[in-house]
Amino acid sequence: MNNLNISDDPSTQKRNETFLEQPEDAQEPALTCPSKENHFLDRKRLIMIVFFLVSVFWFFYLRRQGYIRAEYLLVYLESHPTLAPVLFILLYGILPVFFLPTLPLNLGAGFLWGPWLGSFLAILGAAMGASLAFLSSRYLVGGYFKEQFKQPIWNRLKEGIDKQGWKAVAFTRIAPIFPFGPLNYFWGITPIPFRRYVWVSAVFMTPPIILFSFLGYSVGDLVLKEESYDFTKHVFLLSGAAGLLVFVRVMIKRFFKKKESELS
């Protein structure tokens, strides 16, 4: 029998040469599968959606039952001194997610715990609320809010975040002319990093929070002490807090204008 040499077959040699000329990644199609990172992101998003829906359900249920009222909540917090700080922070963190005002709680913090501890608790609650709304906007409902924030004032803020970065966030916190709830959702659709957003918000929300805590403390002293109320002392404290707020706002505006002139 004649031995057949396959390597001498011209067609076989041509196929071998063609195979050798192909790049390595084209020799065999790679099998693709979903990465662990994508699975983790999908799971995290699902958990956030479930948490958001459960929170919405309980909020409207409690509101319908009449439990979510500023006067009722303050009385409840005052009657539970041990759990009150934790409940206060949680409540302060939830209200902005539903666009509810937090000023009554800020005043109530000064009334219940004094200006300094009350301010500290209010800052923690405000930072929590700002974070929850920001994350909800960035990962859950960002598409909806991109359609809502198309007014000129929001467009100017978008330009500010492109030019000034975190300084635009600082300006809106130190000069609270924008509603707190919608503002948190707005920053979620901008490119600012989450960590930077949180620490800038916490730092620059501090002066106005201290001012309102002092105001709540003064009103509480007036109601409780009546005749022994030290009017001069509280006027001095409120004036100092208001002066500090105005001073910080002026300095920040000057700083921003200086940076703008340097860039231009």
Protein backbone atom coordinates (compact mmCIF):
# COMPACT_ATOMS: atom_id res chain seq x y z
CA MET A 1 0.00 0.00 0.00
CA ASN A 2 1.18 3.48 -0.77
CA ASN A 3 1.61 5.79 2.20
CA LEU A 4 -0.41 8.96 1.70
CA ASN A 5 1.47 12.07 2.85
CA ILE A 6 -1.22 14.53 3.84
CA SER A 7 1.26 17.34 4.34
CA ASP A 8 2.10 17.21 0.62
CA ASP A 9 -1.49 17.91 -0.36
CA PRO A 10 -1.58 21.52 -1.74
CA SER A 11 -5.05 22.18 -0.36
CA THR A 12 -3.99 21.03 3.09
CA GLN A 13 -0.89 23.22 3.05
CA LYS A 14 -2.99 26.23 2.02
CA ARG A 15 -5.41 25.68 4.90
CA ASN A 16 -2.51 25.37 7.34
CA GLU A 17 -0.93 28.58 6.10
CA THR A 18 -4.24 30.41 6.37
CA PHE A 19 -4.70 29.15 9.93
CA LEU A 20 -1.20 30.27 10.92
CA GLU A 21 -1.75 33.73 9.49
CA GLN A 22 -4.86 34.32 11.59
CA PRO A 23 -4.42 36.31 14.81
CA GLU A 24 -4.64 34.42 18.05
CA ASP A 25 -7.92 35.99 19.10
CA ALA A 26 -9.51 34.99 15.77
CA GLN A 27 -8.59 31.30 15.93
CA GLU A 28 -11.41 30.41 18.26
CA PRO A 29 -14.29 32.62 19.38
CA ALA A 30 -14.10 33.35 23.06
CA LEU A 31 -17.00 32.35 25.21
CA THR A 32 -18.52 35.36 26.96
CA CYS A 33 -20.44 35.29 30.18
CA PRO A 34 -21.78 37.99 32.48
CA SER A 35 -19.08 39.28 34.80
CA LYS A 36 -19.34 39.13 38.56
CA GLU A 37 -19.18 42.91 38.66
CA ASN A 38 -22.33 43.22 36.54
CA HIS A 39 -24.11 40.70 38.75
CA PHE A 40 -23.10 42.70 41.82
CA LEU A 41 -24.32 45.98 40.32
CA ASP A 42 -27.64 44.44 39.30
CA ARG A 43 -28.11 42.98 42.77
CA LYS A 44 -27.25 46.28 44.43
CA ARG A 45 -29.68 48.13 42.20
CA LEU A 46 -32.41 45.58 42.96
CA ILE A 47 -31.86 45.98 46.70
CA MET A 48 -32.05 49.76 46.38
CA ILE A 49 -35.29 49.54 44.38
CA VAL A 50 -36.90 47.23 46.95
CA PHE A 51 -35.77 49.48 49.81
CA PHE A 52 -37.12 52.53 48.01
CA LEU A 53 -40.52 50.94 47.34
CA VAL A 54 -40.86 49.69 50.92
CA SER A 55 -39.94 53.14 52.23
CA VAL A 56 -42.55 54.76 49.98
CA PHE A 57 -45.22 52.32 51.19
CA TRP A 58 -44.49 52.90 54.88
CA PHE A 59 -44.25 56.64 54.43
CA PHE A 60 -47.68 56.99 52.87
CA TYR A 61 -49.15 54.53 55.36
CA LEU A 62 -47.82 56.48 58.36
CA ARG A 63 -48.83 59.76 56.79
CA ARG A 64 -52.36 58.50 56.24
CA GLN A 65 -52.52 57.40 59.87
CA GLY A 66 -51.49 60.90 60.95
CA TYR A 67 -48.13 59.97 62.48
CA ILE A 68 -45.95 62.10 60.20
CA ARG A 69 -46.58 65.54 61.64
CA ALA A 70 -43.89 67.81 62.99
CA GLU A 71 -45.61 68.49 66.31
CA TYR A 72 -46.39 64.81 66.90
CA LEU A 73 -42.87 63.71 66.01
CA LEU A 74 -41.24 66.25 68.32
CA VAL A 75 -43.45 65.17 71.22
CA TYR A 76 -42.60 61.52 70.54
CA LEU A 77 -38.87 62.24 70.40
CA GLU A 78 -39.02 64.20 73.64
CA SER A 79 -40.78 61.32 75.41
CA HIS A 80 -38.15 58.76 74.28
CA PRO A 81 -34.80 60.32 75.24
CA THR A 82 -32.71 57.19 74.65
CA LEU A 83 -33.90 56.36 71.15
CA ALA A 84 -34.65 59.95 70.21
CA PRO A 85 -31.26 60.83 68.62
CA VAL A 86 -31.24 57.73 66.41
CA LEU A 87 -34.87 58.16 65.40
CA PHE A 88 -34.29 61.84 64.73
CA ILE A 89 -31.35 61.15 62.37
CA LEU A 90 -33.32 58.46 60.52
CA LEU A 91 -36.35 60.70 60.18
CA TYR A 92 -34.25 63.65 59.05
CA GLY A 93 -32.64 61.38 56.47
CA ILE A 94 -35.93 60.08 55.07
CA LEU A 95 -37.90 63.32 54.73
CA PRO A 96 -35.78 64.87 51.93
CA VAL A 97 -36.24 61.73 49.83
CA PHE A 98 -39.96 62.54 49.71
CA PHE A 99 -39.41 66.30 49.20
CA LEU A 100 -40.69 67.13 52.68
CA PRO A 101 -39.29 70.17 54.53
CA THR A 102 -36.74 69.53 57.26
CA LEU A 103 -36.73 73.01 58.78
CA PRO A 104 -39.15 72.01 61.60
CA LEU A 105 -36.79 69.21 62.58
CA ASN A 106 -33.81 71.54 62.46
CA LEU A 107 -35.57 73.93 64.83
CA GLY A 108 -36.74 71.02 66.94
CA ALA A 109 -33.18 69.74 67.31
CA GLY A 110 -32.16 72.99 68.97
CA PHE A 111 -35.28 72.91 71.10
CA LEU A 112 -34.73 69.34 72.32
CA TRP A 113 -30.94 69.06 72.62
CA GLY A 114 -29.62 72.60 72.62
CA PRO A 115 -27.75 74.43 69.86
CA TRP A 116 -24.59 72.32 69.71
CA LEU A 117 -25.79 68.74 70.11
CA GLY A 118 -28.90 69.61 68.13
CA SER A 119 -26.76 70.99 65.30
CA PHE A 120 -24.58 67.87 65.30
CA LEU A 121 -27.59 65.54 65.03
CA ALA A 122 -29.17 67.71 62.35
CA ILE A 123 -25.96 67.67 60.30
CA LEU A 124 -25.84 63.87 60.44
CA GLY A 125 -29.49 63.63 59.41
CA ALA A 126 -29.09 66.17 56.62
CA ALA A 127 -26.03 64.36 55.25
CA MET A 128 -27.95 61.08 55.33
CA GLY A 129 -30.93 62.60 53.52
CA ALA A 130 -28.71 64.23 50.91
CA SER A 131 -26.94 60.91 50.31
CA LEU A 132 -30.13 58.84 49.96
CA ALA A 133 -31.70 61.27 47.49
CA PHE A 134 -28.44 61.52 45.54
CA LEU A 135 -28.08 57.73 45.22
CA SER A 136 -31.75 57.33 44.29
CA SER A 137 -31.33 59.87 41.52
CA ARG A 138 -28.08 58.39 40.22
CA TYR A 139 -29.07 54.72 40.23
CA LEU A 140 -32.88 54.56 40.23
CA VAL A 141 -34.78 57.55 38.88
CA GLY A 142 -32.10 59.59 37.12
CA GLY A 143 -33.81 59.36 33.74
CA TYR A 144 -36.96 60.94 35.13
CA PHE A 145 -35.15 63.83 36.80
CA LYS A 146 -33.07 64.58 33.71
CA GLU A 147 -36.35 65.50 32.05
CA GLN A 148 -37.49 67.59 35.01
CA PHE A 149 -34.41 69.76 35.55
CA LYS A 150 -34.50 71.69 32.29
CA GLN A 151 -35.33 75.17 33.59
CA PRO A 152 -32.71 77.92 33.12
CA ILE A 153 -31.78 78.00 36.80
CA TRP A 154 -30.90 74.30 36.78
CA ASN A 155 -29.00 74.69 33.51
CA ARG A 156 -26.87 77.37 35.18
CA LEU A 157 -26.10 74.96 37.99
CA LYS A 158 -25.08 72.32 35.46
CA GLU A 159 -22.69 74.81 33.91
CA GLY A 160 -21.42 75.62 37.40
CA ILE A 161 -20.58 72.01 38.17
CA ASP A 162 -18.70 71.75 34.85
CA LYS A 163 -16.62 74.87 35.57
CA GLN A 164 -16.32 74.95 39.36
CA GLY A 165 -16.79 71.32 40.40
CA TRP A 166 -17.49 70.86 44.11
CA LYS A 167 -17.55 74.64 44.63
CA ALA A 168 -20.96 74.77 42.95
CA VAL A 169 -22.28 72.29 45.53
CA ALA A 170 -20.74 74.35 48.32
CA PHE A 171 -22.45 77.51 47.08
CA THR A 172 -25.90 75.91 47.04
CA ARG A 173 -25.40 74.56 50.56
CA ILE A 174 -24.13 77.74 52.18
CA ALA A 175 -26.81 79.83 50.42
CA PRO A 176 -29.94 77.67 50.76
CA ILE A 177 -31.96 79.42 48.06
CA PHE A 178 -32.71 76.11 46.36
CA PRO A 179 -35.20 73.61 47.85
CA PHE A 180 -33.27 70.94 49.73
CA GLY A 181 -35.12 67.88 48.40
CA PRO A 182 -35.03 68.60 44.64
CA LEU A 183 -31.47 69.89 44.92
CA ASN A 184 -30.23 66.54 46.22
CA TYR A 185 -31.84 64.74 43.28
CA PHE A 186 -30.36 67.27 40.88
CA TRP A 187 -26.79 66.62 42.01
CA GLY A 188 -27.38 62.91 41.42
CA ILE A 189 -27.63 63.43 37.66
CA THR A 190 -24.39 65.44 37.51
CA PRO A 191 -20.91 63.87 37.20
CA ILE A 192 -19.74 64.91 40.68
CA PRO A 193 -18.33 61.92 42.65
CA PHE A 194 -20.50 60.70 45.52
CA ARG A 195 -17.87 60.97 48.26
CA ARG A 196 -16.95 64.51 47.32
CA TYR A 197 -20.61 65.46 47.20
CA VAL A 198 -21.22 64.08 50.71
CA TRP A 199 -18.34 65.80 52.49
CA VAL A 200 -18.90 69.12 50.71
CA SER A 201 -22.59 69.01 51.58
CA ALA A 202 -21.92 68.15 55.23
CA VAL A 203 -19.31 70.88 55.68
CA PHE A 204 -21.19 73.70 53.97
CA MET A 205 -24.61 72.83 55.39
CA THR A 206 -23.20 73.31 58.88
CA PRO A 207 -23.49 77.15 59.20
CA PRO A 208 -27.22 77.39 58.29
CA ILE A 209 -28.01 74.32 60.39
CA ILE A 210 -26.30 75.89 63.41
CA LEU A 211 -28.25 79.10 62.85
CA PHE A 212 -31.62 77.34 62.83
CA SER A 213 -30.65 75.18 65.81
CA PHE A 214 -29.85 78.33 67.78
CA LEU A 215 -33.21 79.75 66.73
CA GLY A 216 -35.02 76.63 67.93
CA TYR A 217 -33.07 76.70 71.19
CA SER A 218 -33.99 80.36 71.75
CA VAL A 219 -37.68 79.76 71.08
CA GLY A 220 -37.64 76.77 73.42
CA ASP A 221 -36.04 78.80 76.18
CA LEU A 222 -38.61 81.55 75.69
CA VAL A 223 -41.50 79.09 75.95
CA LEU A 224 -40.16 77.13 78.93
CA LYS A 225 -38.52 79.80 81.07
CA GLU A 226 -40.82 82.74 80.36
CA GLU A 227 -39.93 85.31 83.05
CA SER A 228 -36.35 84.11 83.52
CA TYR A 229 -35.65 84.23 79.81
CA ASP A 230 -32.32 85.94 79.08
CA PHE A 231 -33.30 87.99 76.05
CA THR A 232 -29.92 89.71 75.63
CA LYS A 233 -28.03 86.43 75.68
CA HIS A 234 -30.15 84.85 72.97
CA VAL A 235 -30.11 87.94 70.77
CA PHE A 236 -26.32 87.90 71.01
CA LEU A 237 -26.13 84.20 70.12
CA LEU A 238 -28.52 84.51 67.18
CA SER A 239 -26.75 87.60 65.90
CA GLY A 240 -23.42 85.82 66.10
CA ALA A 241 -24.74 82.77 64.26
CA ALA A 242 -26.38 84.91 61.56
CA GLY A 243 -23.23 87.01 61.22
CA LEU A 244 -21.13 83.88 60.82
CA LEU A 245 -23.45 82.61 58.10
CA VAL A 246 -23.33 85.91 56.20
CA PHE A 247 -19.54 86.11 56.56
CA VAL A 248 -19.02 82.59 55.20
CA ARG A 249 -21.36 83.27 52.28
CA VAL A 250 -19.53 86.47 51.36
CA MET A 251 -16.13 84.77 51.55
CA ILE A 252 -17.28 81.89 49.36
CA LYS A 253 -18.71 84.26 46.75
CA ARG A 254 -15.43 86.19 46.66
CA PHE A 255 -13.49 82.96 46.35
CA PHE A 256 -15.65 81.82 43.42
CA LYS A 257 -15.34 85.17 41.64
CA LYS A 258 -11.57 85.10 42.08
CA LYS A 259 -11.36 81.61 40.61
CA GLU A 260 -13.57 82.61 37.68
CA SER A 261 -11.35 85.61 36.91
CA GLU A 262 -8.26 83.40 37.06
CA LEU A 263 -9.79 80.90 34.64
CA SER A 264 -10.90 83.63 32.24
